[in-house]
Amino acid sequence: MKRRLKKIGRWTVEIIKRSDKAKGFEVLPRRWVVERTFAWLGRCRRLAKDVEKSIASSEAWIMIAHIRLITRRLARYGYR
């Protein structure tokens, strides 16, 4: 995985830990972006469970899910 990411570009991974003292809801920086994206992808039944045998297959289905999402949004607003 690391080798593939190095080929694409320079990546920085930052792990955001929730405070041990926090009670209830607490906004964590930029975490909502990832969670929102996973929620959108989770709407596709095929991606709801991790059953793909290869990374290429998983990437293809994620691409299909994003294409579906974008085309529906474009159709909703009537872009041409």
Protein backbone atom coordinates (compact mmCIF):
# COMPACT_ATOMS: atom_id res chain seq x y z
CA MET A 1 0.00 0.00 0.00
CA LYS A 2 2.78 2.43 0.89
CA ARG A 3 4.53 1.82 -2.43
CA ARG A 4 1.35 2.60 -4.36
CA LEU A 5 0.80 5.83 -2.47
CA LYS A 6 4.40 6.91 -3.04
CA LYS A 7 3.91 6.46 -6.80
CA ILE A 8 0.86 8.75 -6.78
CA GLY A 9 2.38 11.56 -4.76
CA ARG A 10 3.35 12.81 -1.35
CA TRP A 11 0.89 11.87 1.40
CA THR A 12 0.60 12.81 5.05
CA VAL A 13 -1.58 10.78 7.38
CA GLU A 14 -2.76 12.48 10.54
CA ILE A 15 -4.59 10.48 13.18
CA ILE A 16 -7.10 12.57 15.14
CA LYS A 17 -7.83 11.17 18.57
CA ARG A 18 -10.86 12.16 20.53
CA SER A 19 -10.16 13.59 23.96
CA ASP A 20 -10.57 11.14 26.84
CA LYS A 21 -12.29 13.86 28.88
CA ALA A 22 -14.92 14.66 26.22
CA LYS A 23 -18.51 13.75 26.96
CA GLY A 24 -21.08 13.64 24.19
CA PHE A 25 -20.58 15.17 20.75
CA GLU A 26 -17.33 16.92 19.94
CA VAL A 27 -16.30 18.32 16.54
CA LEU A 28 -13.00 16.86 15.38
CA PRO A 29 -11.01 18.68 12.68
CA ARG A 30 -11.67 17.49 9.10
CA ARG A 31 -12.88 14.07 10.27
CA TRP A 32 -16.39 14.77 9.00
CA VAL A 33 -15.13 14.89 5.40
CA VAL A 34 -13.96 11.30 5.54
CA GLU A 35 -17.03 10.09 7.39
CA ARG A 36 -19.35 11.84 4.92
CA THR A 37 -17.54 10.26 1.97
CA PHE A 38 -17.78 6.81 3.52
CA ALA A 39 -21.50 7.39 4.13
CA TRP A 40 -22.03 8.27 0.46
CA LEU A 41 -20.13 5.17 -0.63
CA GLY A 42 -22.05 3.06 1.87
CA ARG A 43 -25.26 3.78 -0.03
CA CYS A 44 -24.04 1.44 -2.77
CA ARG A 45 -24.92 -2.09 -1.72
CA ARG A 46 -21.84 -3.52 -3.36
CA LEU A 47 -19.61 -1.34 -1.16
CA ALA A 48 -21.56 -1.89 2.05
CA LYS A 49 -19.54 -5.05 2.76
CA ASP A 50 -15.91 -5.70 2.02
CA VAL A 51 -16.19 -8.69 -0.31
CA GLU A 52 -13.86 -7.74 -3.16
CA LYS A 53 -10.89 -10.02 -3.75
CA SER A 54 -8.59 -7.52 -5.41
CA ILE A 55 -7.69 -3.87 -4.93
CA ALA A 56 -8.37 -3.19 -8.61
CA SER A 57 -11.91 -4.47 -8.26
CA SER A 58 -12.51 -2.35 -5.15
CA GLU A 59 -11.14 0.74 -6.89
CA ALA A 60 -13.39 0.12 -9.89
CA TRP A 61 -16.52 -0.15 -7.75
CA ILE A 62 -15.61 2.99 -5.80
CA MET A 63 -15.16 4.82 -9.11
CA ILE A 64 -18.56 3.59 -10.30
CA ALA A 65 -20.14 4.76 -7.04
CA HIS A 66 -18.63 8.24 -7.42
CA ILE A 67 -19.70 8.47 -11.07
CA ARG A 68 -23.24 7.54 -10.05
CA LEU A 69 -23.22 10.15 -7.29
CA ILE A 70 -21.93 12.94 -9.54
CA THR A 71 -24.30 12.16 -12.44
CA ARG A 72 -27.29 12.20 -10.11
CA ARG A 73 -26.22 15.56 -8.72
CA LEU A 74 -25.71 17.00 -12.19
CA ALA A 75 -29.09 15.69 -13.34
CA ARG A 76 -30.80 17.17 -10.27
CA TYR A 77 -29.53 20.67 -11.06
CA GLY A 78 -30.07 20.35 -14.81
CA TYR A 79 -26.48 21.03 -15.93
CA ARG A 80 -25.75 20.39 -19.59
